[in-house]
Amino acid sequence: MSADDTASRPRARRRRTLAAVAAGVTAVEAAVVIRRRGAVFALDTVVRCREGHLFTTLWVPGVSLKALRLGWWRFQRCPVGRHWSLVTPVDTATLTDEERALAARRRDLRVP
């Protein structure tokens, strides 16, 4: 084993540790932002696409199974308008009973 191999091991371990810490911080930050906005992350999170369609989707902070994460927004398929769009969680307290019922009937795919 050469001196270069033994010197690179601590650096690689340090990089992996920093990457894990960064991922953890990102997940915690996303959870805090969601809590402050009043949204819930769960199987039936109400979201709105850029065209105004309401539907429910799986929303877990820091994790994106069916969408491309772009900060607070996600780029995913809207099952209502059958198009790709940026979506964001909606505070259900601001919705009418009719809008909540409409969103509950419109669900995206559960499987990524």
PDB file of N, CA and C in Angstrom:
ATOM      1  N   MET A   1       0.852  -1.169   0.000  1.00  0.00           N
ATOM      2  CA  MET A   1       0.000   0.000   0.000  1.00  0.00           C
ATOM      3  C   MET A   1       0.898   1.232   0.000  1.00  0.00           C
ATOM      4  N   SER A   2       0.609   2.161  -0.861  1.00  0.00           N
ATOM      5  CA  SER A   2       1.451   3.349  -0.967  1.00  0.00           C
ATOM      6  C   SER A   2       0.999   4.418   0.022  1.00  0.00           C
ATOM      7  N   ALA A   3       1.836   5.411   0.177  1.00  0.00           N
ATOM      8  CA  ALA A   3       1.533   6.525   1.092  1.00  0.00           C
ATOM      9  C   ALA A   3       0.338   7.326   0.589  1.00  0.00           C
ATOM     10  N   ASP A   4       0.166   7.386  -0.741  1.00  0.00           N
ATOM     11  CA  ASP A   4      -0.976   8.115  -1.303  1.00  0.00           C
ATOM     12  C   ASP A   4      -2.301   7.445  -0.929  1.00  0.00           C
ATOM     13  N   ASP A   5      -2.328   6.107  -0.897  1.00  0.00           N
ATOM     14  CA  ASP A   5      -3.548   5.388  -0.540  1.00  0.00           C
ATOM     15  C   ASP A   5      -3.960   5.665   0.901  1.00  0.00           C
ATOM     16  N   THR A   6      -3.001   5.626   1.811  1.00  0.00           N
ATOM     17  CA  THR A   6      -3.338   5.851   3.217  1.00  0.00           C
ATOM     18  C   THR A   6      -3.702   7.297   3.482  1.00  0.00           C
ATOM     19  N   ALA A   7      -3.151   8.222   2.725  1.00  0.00           N
ATOM     20  CA  ALA A   7      -3.474   9.641   2.907  1.00  0.00           C
ATOM     21  C   ALA A   7      -4.861   9.953   2.349  1.00  0.00           C
ATOM     22  N   SER A   8      -5.318   9.231   1.329  1.00  0.00           N
ATOM     23  CA  SER A   8      -6.607   9.526   0.712  1.00  0.00           C
ATOM     24  C   SER A   8      -7.770   8.955   1.510  1.00  0.00           C
ATOM     25  N   ARG A   9      -7.529   7.932   2.332  1.00  0.00           N
ATOM     26  CA  ARG A   9      -8.618   7.343   3.129  1.00  0.00           C
ATOM     27  C   ARG A   9      -9.249   8.340   4.096  1.00  0.00           C
ATOM     28  N   PRO A  10      -8.473   9.059   4.897  1.00  0.00           N
ATOM     29  CA  PRO A  10      -9.112  10.039   5.798  1.00  0.00           C
ATOM     30  C   PRO A  10      -9.851  11.138   5.035  1.00  0.00           C
ATOM     31  N   ARG A  11      -9.307  11.543   3.893  1.00  0.00           N
ATOM     32  CA  ARG A  11      -9.988  12.570   3.094  1.00  0.00           C
ATOM     33  C   ARG A  11     -11.321  12.053   2.563  1.00  0.00           C
ATOM     34  N   ALA A  12     -11.338  10.823   2.089  1.00  0.00           N
ATOM     35  CA  ALA A  12     -12.580  10.239   1.576  1.00  0.00           C
ATOM     36  C   ALA A  12     -13.608  10.093   2.690  1.00  0.00           C
ATOM     37  N   ARG A  13     -13.148   9.655   3.857  1.00  0.00           N
ATOM     38  CA  ARG A  13     -14.051   9.512   5.002  1.00  0.00           C
ATOM     39  C   ARG A  13     -14.602  10.878   5.408  1.00  0.00           C
ATOM     40  N   ARG A  14     -13.763  11.896   5.398  1.00  0.00           N
ATOM     41  CA  ARG A  14     -14.188  13.252   5.746  1.00  0.00           C
ATOM     42  C   ARG A  14     -15.236  13.760   4.744  1.00  0.00           C
ATOM     43  N   ARG A  15     -15.018  13.487   3.462  1.00  0.00           N
ATOM     44  CA  ARG A  15     -15.989  13.905   2.439  1.00  0.00           C
ATOM     45  C   ARG A  15     -17.336  13.214   2.637  1.00  0.00           C
ATOM     46  N   ARG A  16     -17.303  11.916   2.939  1.00  0.00           N
ATOM     47  CA  ARG A  16     -18.556  11.193   3.168  1.00  0.00           C
ATOM     48  C   ARG A  16     -19.278  11.739   4.398  1.00  0.00           C
ATOM     49  N   THR A  17     -18.541  12.049   5.436  1.00  0.00           N
ATOM     50  CA  THR A  17     -19.132  12.609   6.647  1.00  0.00           C
ATOM     51  C   THR A  17     -19.758  13.966   6.364  1.00  0.00           C
ATOM     52  N   LEU A  18     -19.049  14.813   5.642  1.00  0.00           N
ATOM     53  CA  LEU A  18     -19.590  16.133   5.291  1.00  0.00           C
ATOM     54  C   LEU A  18     -20.839  16.007   4.426  1.00  0.00           C
ATOM     55  N   ALA A  19     -20.839  15.055   3.494  1.00  0.00           N
ATOM     56  CA  ALA A  19     -22.012  14.844   2.645  1.00  0.00           C
ATOM     57  C   ALA A  19     -23.208  14.392   3.480  1.00  0.00           C
ATOM     58  N   ALA A  20     -22.979  13.504   4.436  1.00  0.00           N
ATOM     59  CA  ALA A  20     -24.063  13.029   5.303  1.00  0.00           C
ATOM     60  C   ALA A  20     -24.603  14.162   6.172  1.00  0.00           C
ATOM     61  N   VAL A  21     -23.715  14.989   6.703  1.00  0.00           N
ATOM     62  CA  VAL A  21     -24.140  16.128   7.523  1.00  0.00           C
ATOM     63  C   VAL A  21     -24.945  17.115   6.672  1.00  0.00           C
ATOM     64  N   ALA A  22     -24.484  17.389   5.464  1.00  0.00           N
ATOM     65  CA  ALA A  22     -25.202  18.313   4.567  1.00  0.00           C
ATOM     66  C   ALA A  22     -26.590  17.783   4.236  1.00  0.00           C
ATOM     67  N   ALA A  23     -26.703  16.487   3.994  1.00  0.00           N
ATOM     68  CA  ALA A  23     -28.017  15.893   3.699  1.00  0.00           C
ATOM     69  C   ALA A  23     -28.938  15.998   4.912  1.00  0.00           C
ATOM     70  N   GLY A  24     -28.405  15.760   6.095  1.00  0.00           N
ATOM     71  CA  GLY A  24     -29.205  15.878   7.309  1.00  0.00           C
ATOM     72  C   GLY A  24     -29.687  17.293   7.556  1.00  0.00           C
ATOM     73  N   VAL A  25     -28.793  18.259   7.354  1.00  0.00           N
ATOM     74  CA  VAL A  25     -29.162  19.668   7.526  1.00  0.00           C
ATOM     75  C   VAL A  25     -30.241  20.061   6.526  1.00  0.00           C
ATOM     76  N   THR A  26     -30.125  19.591   5.300  1.00  0.00           N
ATOM     77  CA  THR A  26     -31.125  19.896   4.278  1.00  0.00           C
ATOM     78  C   THR A  26     -32.488  19.340   4.663  1.00  0.00           C
ATOM     79  N   ALA A  27     -32.528  18.109   5.158  1.00  0.00           N
ATOM     80  CA  ALA A  27     -33.793  17.500   5.559  1.00  0.00           C
ATOM     81  C   ALA A  27     -34.417  18.245   6.731  1.00  0.00           C
ATOM     82  N   VAL A  28     -33.619  18.615   7.708  1.00  0.00           N
ATOM     83  CA  VAL A  28     -34.134  19.359   8.866  1.00  0.00           C
ATOM     84  C   VAL A  28     -34.641  20.731   8.429  1.00  0.00           C
ATOM     85  N   GLU A  29     -33.886  21.395   7.574  1.00  0.00           N
ATOM     86  CA  GLU A  29     -34.311  22.710   7.083  1.00  0.00           C
ATOM     87  C   GLU A  29     -35.639  22.614   6.350  1.00  0.00           C
ATOM     88  N   ALA A  30     -35.799  21.600   5.510  1.00  0.00           N
ATOM     89  CA  ALA A  30     -37.053  21.432   4.775  1.00  0.00           C
ATOM     90  C   ALA A  30     -38.211  21.183   5.729  1.00  0.00           C
ATOM     91  N   ALA A  31     -37.988  20.384   6.764  1.00  0.00           N
ATOM     92  CA  ALA A  31     -39.049  20.110   7.738  1.00  0.00           C
ATOM     93  C   ALA A  31     -39.452  21.376   8.480  1.00  0.00           C
ATOM     94  N   VAL A  32     -38.478  22.199   8.848  1.00  0.00           N
ATOM     95  CA  VAL A  32     -38.766  23.451   9.546  1.00  0.00           C
ATOM     96  C   VAL A  32     -39.569  24.395   8.650  1.00  0.00           C
ATOM     97  N   VAL A  33     -39.186  24.504   7.403  1.00  0.00           N
ATOM     98  CA  VAL A  33     -39.905  25.375   6.469  1.00  0.00           C
ATOM     99  C   VAL A  33     -41.338  24.904   6.288  1.00  0.00           C
ATOM    100  N   ILE A  34     -41.525  23.604   6.160  1.00  0.00           N
ATOM    101  CA  ILE A  34     -42.875  23.072   5.990  1.00  0.00           C
ATOM    102  C   ILE A  34     -43.726  23.347   7.223  1.00  0.00           C
ATOM    103  N   ARG A  35     -43.165  23.140   8.396  1.00  0.00           N
ATOM    104  CA  ARG A  35     -43.919  23.401   9.639  1.00  0.00           C
ATOM    105  C   ARG A  35     -44.313  24.877   9.739  1.00  0.00           C
ATOM    106  N   ARG A  36     -43.391  25.764   9.399  1.00  0.00           N
ATOM    107  CA  ARG A  36     -43.681  27.209   9.487  1.00  0.00           C
ATOM    108  C   ARG A  36     -44.756  27.633   8.509  1.00  0.00           C
ATOM    109  N   ARG A  37     -44.806  26.981   7.354  1.00  0.00           N
ATOM    110  CA  ARG A  37     -45.824  27.327   6.360  1.00  0.00           C
ATOM    111  C   ARG A  37     -47.151  26.675   6.668  1.00  0.00           C
ATOM    112  N   GLY A  38     -47.188  25.834   7.679  1.00  0.00           N
ATOM    113  CA  GLY A  38     -48.450  25.215   8.081  1.00  0.00           C
ATOM    114  C   GLY A  38     -48.804  23.981   7.290  1.00  0.00           C
ATOM    115  N   ALA A  39     -47.935  23.531   6.425  1.00  0.00           N
ATOM    116  CA  ALA A  39     -48.231  22.355   5.624  1.00  0.00           C
ATOM    117  C   ALA A  39     -47.833  21.099   6.389  1.00  0.00           C
ATOM    118  N   VAL A  40     -48.426  20.014   6.023  1.00  0.00           N
ATOM    119  CA  VAL A  40     -48.134  18.729   6.635  1.00  0.00           C
ATOM    120  C   VAL A  40     -47.482  17.857   5.577  1.00  0.00           C
ATOM    121  N   PHE A  41     -46.494  17.096   5.983  1.00  0.00           N
ATOM    122  CA  PHE A  41     -45.918  16.176   5.020  1.00  0.00           C
ATOM    123  C   PHE A  41     -46.414  14.782   5.338  1.00  0.00           C
ATOM    124  N   ALA A  42     -47.076  14.186   4.369  1.00  0.00           N
ATOM    125  CA  ALA A  42     -47.675  12.879   4.573  1.00  0.00           C
ATOM    126  C   ALA A  42     -48.079  12.307   3.223  1.00  0.00           C
ATOM    127  N   LEU A  43     -48.838  11.222   3.266  1.00  0.00           N
ATOM    128  CA  LEU A  43     -49.304  10.607   2.032  1.00  0.00           C
ATOM    129  C   LEU A  43     -50.280  11.499   1.280  1.00  0.00           C
ATOM    130  N   ASP A  44     -51.083  12.245   1.994  1.00  0.00           N
ATOM    131  CA  ASP A  44     -52.123  13.051   1.354  1.00  0.00           C
ATOM    132  C   ASP A  44     -51.899  14.538   1.564  1.00  0.00           C
ATOM    133  N   THR A  45     -50.772  15.047   1.148  1.00  0.00           N
ATOM    134  CA  THR A  45     -50.489  16.472   1.229  1.00  0.00           C
ATOM    135  C   THR A  45     -51.131  17.167   0.039  1.00  0.00           C
ATOM    136  N   VAL A  46     -51.895  18.206   0.309  1.00  0.00           N
ATOM    137  CA  VAL A  46     -52.535  18.958  -0.772  1.00  0.00           C
ATOM    138  C   VAL A  46     -51.502  19.892  -1.387  1.00  0.00           C
ATOM    139  N   VAL A  47     -51.385  19.831  -2.706  1.00  0.00           N
ATOM    140  CA  VAL A  47     -50.460  20.694  -3.431  1.00  0.00           C
ATOM    141  C   VAL A  47     -51.204  21.390  -4.565  1.00  0.00           C
ATOM    142  N   ARG A  48     -50.586  22.470  -5.058  1.00  0.00           N
ATOM    143  CA  ARG A  48     -51.165  23.224  -6.178  1.00  0.00           C
ATOM    144  C   ARG A  48     -50.101  23.355  -7.260  1.00  0.00           C
ATOM    145  N   CYS A  49     -50.501  23.092  -8.497  1.00  0.00           N
ATOM    146  CA  CYS A  49     -49.574  23.274  -9.612  1.00  0.00           C
ATOM    147  C   CYS A  49     -49.626  24.729 -10.067  1.00  0.00           C
ATOM    148  N   ARG A  50     -48.762  25.097 -10.983  1.00  0.00           N
ATOM    149  CA  ARG A  50     -48.698  26.490 -11.453  1.00  0.00           C
ATOM    150  C   ARG A  50     -49.940  26.915 -12.222  1.00  0.00           C
ATOM    151  N   GLU A  51     -50.731  25.951 -12.697  1.00  0.00           N
ATOM    152  CA  GLU A  51     -51.979  26.305 -13.385  1.00  0.00           C
ATOM    153  C   GLU A  51     -53.162  26.381 -12.429  1.00  0.00           C
ATOM    154  N   GLY A  52     -52.890  26.139 -11.120  1.00  0.00           N
ATOM    155  CA  GLY A  52     -53.931  26.282 -10.115  1.00  0.00           C
ATOM    156  C   GLY A  52     -54.652  25.005  -9.747  1.00  0.00           C
ATOM    157  N   HIS A  53     -54.290  23.878 -10.347  1.00  0.00           N
ATOM    158  CA  HIS A  53     -54.949  22.622 -10.027  1.00  0.00           C
ATOM    159  C   HIS A  53     -54.546  22.144  -8.632  1.00  0.00           C
ATOM    160  N   LEU A  54     -55.511  21.673  -7.880  1.00  0.00           N
ATOM    161  CA  LEU A  54     -55.265  21.112  -6.553  1.00  0.00           C
ATOM    162  C   LEU A  54     -55.331  19.594  -6.626  1.00  0.00           C
ATOM    163  N   PHE A  55     -54.393  18.925  -5.961  1.00  0.00           N
ATOM    164  CA  PHE A  55     -54.420  17.469  -5.862  1.00  0.00           C
ATOM    165  C   PHE A  55     -53.589  17.053  -4.667  1.00  0.00           C
ATOM    166  N   THR A  56     -53.669  15.785  -4.303  1.00  0.00           N
ATOM    167  CA  THR A  56     -52.893  15.277  -3.182  1.00  0.00           C
ATOM    168  C   THR A  56     -51.740  14.435  -3.692  1.00  0.00           C
ATOM    169  N   THR A  57     -50.650  14.459  -2.938  1.00  0.00           N
ATOM    170  CA  THR A  57     -49.458  13.721  -3.308  1.00  0.00           C
ATOM    171  C   THR A  57     -48.680  13.340  -2.060  1.00  0.00           C
ATOM    172  N   LEU A  58     -47.709  12.473  -2.229  1.00  0.00           N
ATOM    173  CA  LEU A  58     -46.785  12.132  -1.160  1.00  0.00           C
ATOM    174  C   LEU A  58     -45.753  13.248  -1.074  1.00  0.00           C
ATOM    175  N   TRP A  59     -45.575  13.842   0.106  1.00  0.00           N
ATOM    176  CA  TRP A  59     -44.622  14.938   0.272  1.00  0.00           C
ATOM    177  C   TRP A  59     -43.811  14.694   1.536  1.00  0.00           C
ATOM    178  N   VAL A  60     -42.547  14.370   1.364  1.00  0.00           N
ATOM    179  CA  VAL A  60     -41.643  14.137   2.485  1.00  0.00           C
ATOM    180  C   VAL A  60     -40.476  15.105   2.332  1.00  0.00           C
ATOM    181  N   PRO A  61     -40.179  15.912   3.352  1.00  0.00           N
ATOM    182  CA  PRO A  61     -39.085  16.877   3.239  1.00  0.00           C
ATOM    183  C   PRO A  61     -37.751  16.185   2.987  1.00  0.00           C
ATOM    184  N   GLY A  62     -37.008  16.731   2.074  1.00  0.00           N
ATOM    185  CA  GLY A  62     -35.684  16.208   1.779  1.00  0.00           C
ATOM    186  C   GLY A  62     -35.674  14.971   0.922  1.00  0.00           C
ATOM    187  N   VAL A  63     -36.846  14.446   0.590  1.00  0.00           N
ATOM    188  CA  VAL A  63     -36.940  13.240  -0.215  1.00  0.00           C
ATOM    189  C   VAL A  63     -37.873  13.505  -1.379  1.00  0.00           C
ATOM    190  N   SER A  64     -37.492  13.035  -2.534  1.00  0.00           N
ATOM    191  CA  SER A  64     -38.325  13.215  -3.708  1.00  0.00           C
ATOM    192  C   SER A  64     -38.298  11.929  -4.517  1.00  0.00           C
ATOM    193  N   LEU A  65     -39.399  11.209  -4.494  1.00  0.00           N
ATOM    194  CA  LEU A  65     -39.463   9.928  -5.182  1.00  0.00           C
ATOM    195  C   LEU A  65     -39.995  10.040  -6.604  1.00  0.00           C
ATOM    196  N   LYS A  66     -40.903  10.966  -6.837  1.00  0.00           N
ATOM    197  CA  LYS A  66     -41.565  11.072  -8.139  1.00  0.00           C
ATOM    198  C   LYS A  66     -41.377  12.431  -8.786  1.00  0.00           C
ATOM    199  N   ALA A  67     -40.501  13.231  -8.240  1.00  0.00           N
ATOM    200  CA  ALA A  67     -40.377  14.598  -8.725  1.00  0.00           C
ATOM    201  C   ALA A  67     -38.935  15.072  -8.614  1.00  0.00           C
ATOM    202  N   LEU A  68     -38.675  16.156  -9.281  1.00  0.00           N
ATOM    203  CA  LEU A  68     -37.378  16.813  -9.193  1.00  0.00           C
ATOM    204  C   LEU A  68     -37.519  17.953  -8.193  1.00  0.00           C
ATOM    205  N   ARG A  69     -36.738  17.900  -7.103  1.00  0.00           N
ATOM    206  CA  ARG A  69     -36.829  18.936  -6.071  1.00  0.00           C
ATOM    207  C   ARG A  69     -36.080  20.180  -6.502  1.00  0.00           C
ATOM    208  N   LEU A  70     -36.721  21.328  -6.333  1.00  0.00           N
ATOM    209  CA  LEU A  70     -36.132  22.626  -6.633  1.00  0.00           C
ATOM    210  C   LEU A  70     -36.405  23.545  -5.447  1.00  0.00           C
ATOM    211  N   GLY A  71     -35.701  23.311  -4.344  1.00  0.00           N
ATOM    212  CA  GLY A  71     -35.946  24.097  -3.136  1.00  0.00           C
ATOM    213  C   GLY A  71     -37.302  23.745  -2.566  1.00  0.00           C
ATOM    214  N   TRP A  72     -38.146  24.751  -2.358  1.00  0.00           N
ATOM    215  CA  TRP A  72     -39.479  24.547  -1.797  1.00  0.00           C
ATOM    216  C   TRP A  72     -40.410  23.890  -2.802  1.00  0.00           C
ATOM    217  N   TRP A  73     -40.160  24.051  -4.089  1.00  0.00           N
ATOM    218  CA  TRP A  73     -41.027  23.530  -5.132  1.00  0.00           C
ATOM    219  C   TRP A  73     -40.549  22.166  -5.600  1.00  0.00           C
ATOM    220  N   ARG A  74     -41.433  21.490  -6.302  1.00  0.00           N
ATOM    221  CA  ARG A  74     -41.076  20.234  -6.966  1.00  0.00           C
ATOM    222  C   ARG A  74     -41.657  20.254  -8.360  1.00  0.00           C
ATOM    223  N   PHE A  75     -40.891  19.718  -9.269  1.00  0.00           N
ATOM    224  CA  PHE A  75     -41.343  19.608 -10.657  1.00  0.00           C
ATOM    225  C   PHE A  75     -41.866  18.194 -10.823  1.00  0.00           C
ATOM    226  N   GLN A  76     -43.174  18.075 -10.995  1.00  0.00           N
ATOM    227  CA  GLN A  76     -43.769  16.750 -11.130  1.00  0.00           C
ATOM    228  C   GLN A  76     -45.010  16.812 -12.001  1.00  0.00           C
ATOM    229  N   ARG A  77     -45.516  15.649 -12.332  1.00  0.00           N
ATOM    230  CA  ARG A  77     -46.686  15.554 -13.207  1.00  0.00           C
ATOM    231  C   ARG A  77     -47.943  15.898 -12.420  1.00  0.00           C
ATOM    232  N   CYS A  78     -48.759  16.769 -12.997  1.00  0.00           N
ATOM    233  CA  CYS A  78     -50.053  17.142 -12.425  1.00  0.00           C
ATOM    234  C   CYS A  78     -51.090  16.168 -12.985  1.00  0.00           C
ATOM    235  N   PRO A  79     -51.740  15.375 -12.131  1.00  0.00           N
ATOM    236  CA  PRO A  79     -52.716  14.416 -12.631  1.00  0.00           C
ATOM    237  C   PRO A  79     -54.025  15.058 -13.083  1.00  0.00           C
ATOM    238  N   VAL A  80     -54.252  16.287 -12.703  1.00  0.00           N
ATOM    239  CA  VAL A  80     -55.493  16.977 -13.068  1.00  0.00           C
ATOM    240  C   VAL A  80     -55.403  17.494 -14.502  1.00  0.00           C
ATOM    241  N   GLY A  81     -54.372  18.286 -14.783  1.00  0.00           N
ATOM    242  CA  GLY A  81     -54.216  18.851 -16.115  1.00  0.00           C
ATOM    243  C   GLY A  81     -53.380  17.991 -17.045  1.00  0.00           C
ATOM    244  N   ARG A  82     -52.842  16.889 -16.510  1.00  0.00           N
ATOM    245  CA  ARG A  82     -51.992  15.965 -17.274  1.00  0.00           C
ATOM    246  C   ARG A  82     -50.841  16.692 -17.948  1.00  0.00           C
ATOM    247  N   HIS A  83     -50.124  17.456 -17.128  1.00  0.00           N
ATOM    248  CA  HIS A  83     -48.965  18.209 -17.609  1.00  0.00           C
ATOM    249  C   HIS A  83     -47.896  18.193 -16.524  1.00  0.00           C
ATOM    250  N   TRP A  84     -46.680  18.576 -16.876  1.00  0.00           N
ATOM    251  CA  TRP A  84     -45.589  18.691 -15.911  1.00  0.00           C
ATOM    252  C   TRP A  84     -45.555  20.125 -15.429  1.00  0.00           C
ATOM    253  N   SER A  85     -45.393  20.308 -14.114  1.00  0.00           N
ATOM    254  CA  SER A  85     -45.452  21.659 -13.561  1.00  0.00           C
ATOM    255  C   SER A  85     -44.727  21.708 -12.219  1.00  0.00           C
ATOM    256  N   LEU A  86     -44.416  22.926 -11.784  1.00  0.00           N
ATOM    257  CA  LEU A  86     -43.921  23.128 -10.424  1.00  0.00           C
ATOM    258  C   LEU A  86     -45.109  23.034  -9.486  1.00  0.00           C
ATOM    259  N   VAL A  87     -44.955  22.298  -8.387  1.00  0.00           N
ATOM    260  CA  VAL A  87     -46.023  22.194  -7.398  1.00  0.00           C
ATOM    261  C   VAL A  87     -45.474  22.600  -6.042  1.00  0.00           C
ATOM    262  N   THR A  88     -46.363  23.072  -5.195  1.00  0.00           N
ATOM    263  CA  THR A  88     -45.988  23.484  -3.849  1.00  0.00           C
ATOM    264  C   THR A  88     -47.111  23.114  -2.888  1.00  0.00           C
ATOM    265  N   PRO A  89     -46.791  22.749  -1.655  1.00  0.00           N
ATOM    266  CA  PRO A  89     -47.843  22.418  -0.681  1.00  0.00           C
ATOM    267  C   PRO A  89     -48.738  23.620  -0.388  1.00  0.00           C
ATOM    268  N   VAL A  90     -49.978  23.313  -0.058  1.00  0.00           N
ATOM    269  CA  VAL A  90     -50.970  24.340   0.238  1.00  0.00           C
ATOM    270  C   VAL A  90     -51.379  24.199   1.692  1.00  0.00           C
ATOM    271  N   ASP A  91     -51.517  25.307   2.386  1.00  0.00           N
ATOM    272  CA  ASP A  91     -52.031  25.294   3.755  1.00  0.00           C
ATOM    273  C   ASP A  91     -53.531  25.021   3.656  1.00  0.00           C
ATOM    274  N   THR A  92     -53.963  23.861   4.119  1.00  0.00           N
ATOM    275  CA  THR A  92     -55.362  23.472   3.961  1.00  0.00           C
ATOM    276  C   THR A  92     -56.318  24.374   4.747  1.00  0.00           C
ATOM    277  N   ALA A  93     -55.807  25.098   5.724  1.00  0.00           N
ATOM    278  CA  ALA A  93     -56.661  26.015   6.485  1.00  0.00           C
ATOM    279  C   ALA A  93     -57.140  27.170   5.606  1.00  0.00           C
ATOM    280  N   THR A  94     -56.428  27.445   4.526  1.00  0.00           N
ATOM    281  CA  THR A  94     -56.820  28.542   3.633  1.00  0.00           C
ATOM    282  C   THR A  94     -57.786  28.082   2.539  1.00  0.00           C
ATOM    283  N   LEU A  95     -58.058  26.787   2.467  1.00  0.00           N
ATOM    284  CA  LEU A  95     -58.943  26.253   1.435  1.00  0.00           C
ATOM    285  C   LEU A  95     -60.372  26.160   1.943  1.00  0.00           C
ATOM    286  N   THR A  96     -61.309  26.242   1.015  1.00  0.00           N
ATOM    287  CA  THR A  96     -62.715  26.025   1.363  1.00  0.00           C
ATOM    288  C   THR A  96     -62.948  24.521   1.504  1.00  0.00           C
ATOM    289  N   ASP A  97     -64.074  24.161   2.074  1.00  0.00           N
ATOM    290  CA  ASP A  97     -64.420  22.742   2.207  1.00  0.00           C
ATOM    291  C   ASP A  97     -64.510  22.085   0.838  1.00  0.00           C
ATOM    292  N   GLU A  98     -65.036  22.803  -0.121  1.00  0.00           N
ATOM    293  CA  GLU A  98     -65.175  22.277  -1.486  1.00  0.00           C
ATOM    294  C   GLU A  98     -63.791  22.024  -2.114  1.00  0.00           C
ATOM    295  N   GLU A  99     -62.857  22.956  -1.919  1.00  0.00           N
ATOM    296  CA  GLU A  99     -61.511  22.782  -2.466  1.00  0.00           C
ATOM    297  C   GLU A  99     -60.784  21.606  -1.813  1.00  0.00           C
ATOM    298  N   ARG A 100     -60.970  21.439  -0.510  1.00  0.00           N
ATOM    299  CA  ARG A 100     -60.346  20.296   0.187  1.00  0.00           C
ATOM    300  C   ARG A 100     -60.913  18.982  -0.331  1.00  0.00           C
ATOM    301  N   ALA A 101     -62.212  18.925  -0.537  1.00  0.00           N
ATOM    302  CA  ALA A 101     -62.849  17.703  -1.048  1.00  0.00           C
ATOM    303  C   ALA A 101     -62.390  17.414  -2.478  1.00  0.00           C
ATOM    304  N   LEU A 102     -62.277  18.463  -3.265  1.00  0.00           N
ATOM    305  CA  LEU A 102     -61.813  18.309  -4.649  1.00  0.00           C
ATOM    306  C   LEU A 102     -60.384  17.770  -4.688  1.00  0.00           C
ATOM    307  N   ALA A 103     -59.516  18.310  -3.859  1.00  0.00           N
ATOM    308  CA  ALA A 103     -58.124  17.854  -3.814  1.00  0.00           C
ATOM    309  C   ALA A 103     -58.043  16.407  -3.335  1.00  0.00           C
ATOM    310  N   ALA A 104     -58.897  16.026  -2.391  1.00  0.00           N
ATOM    311  CA  ALA A 104     -58.879  14.655  -1.867  1.00  0.00           C
ATOM    312  C   ALA A 104     -59.284  13.648  -2.938  1.00  0.00           C
ATOM    313  N   ARG A 105     -60.137  14.052  -3.869  1.00  0.00           N
ATOM    314  CA  ARG A 105     -60.559  13.145  -4.954  1.00  0.00           C
ATOM    315  C   ARG A 105     -59.503  13.022  -6.045  1.00  0.00           C
ATOM    316  N   ARG A 106     -58.618  13.998  -6.134  1.00  0.00           N
ATOM    317  CA  ARG A 106     -57.588  14.011  -7.187  1.00  0.00           C
ATOM    318  C   ARG A 106     -56.251  13.614  -6.571  1.00  0.00           C
ATOM    319  N   ARG A 107     -55.795  12.425  -6.868  1.00  0.00           N
ATOM    320  CA  ARG A 107     -54.537  11.913  -6.297  1.00  0.00           C
ATOM    321  C   ARG A 107     -53.575  11.571  -7.420  1.00  0.00           C
ATOM    322  N   ASP A 108     -52.303  11.763  -7.137  1.00  0.00           N
ATOM    323  CA  ASP A 108     -51.317  11.310  -8.112  1.00  0.00           C
ATOM    324  C   ASP A 108     -50.962   9.865  -7.805  1.00  0.00           C
ATOM    325  N   LEU A 109     -50.106   9.293  -8.598  1.00  0.00           N
ATOM    326  CA  LEU A 109     -49.701   7.913  -8.397  1.00  0.00           C
ATOM    327  C   LEU A 109     -48.973   7.742  -7.071  1.00  0.00           C
ATOM    328  N   ARG A 110     -49.239   6.668  -6.374  1.00  0.00           N
ATOM    329  CA  ARG A 110     -48.582   6.413  -5.094  1.00  0.00           C
ATOM    330  C   ARG A 110     -47.221   5.768  -5.272  1.00  0.00           C
ATOM    331  N   VAL A 111     -47.003   5.133  -6.394  1.00  0.00           N
ATOM    332  CA  VAL A 111     -45.752   4.426  -6.632  1.00  0.00           C
ATOM    333  C   VAL A 111     -44.869   5.274  -7.532  1.00  0.00           C
ATOM    334  N   PRO A 112     -43.594   5.451  -7.161  1.00  0.00           N
ATOM    335  CA  PRO A 112     -42.702   6.249  -8.009  1.00  0.00           C
ATOM    336  C   PRO A 112     -42.446   5.592  -9.339  1.00  0.00           C
TER     337      PRO A 112
END
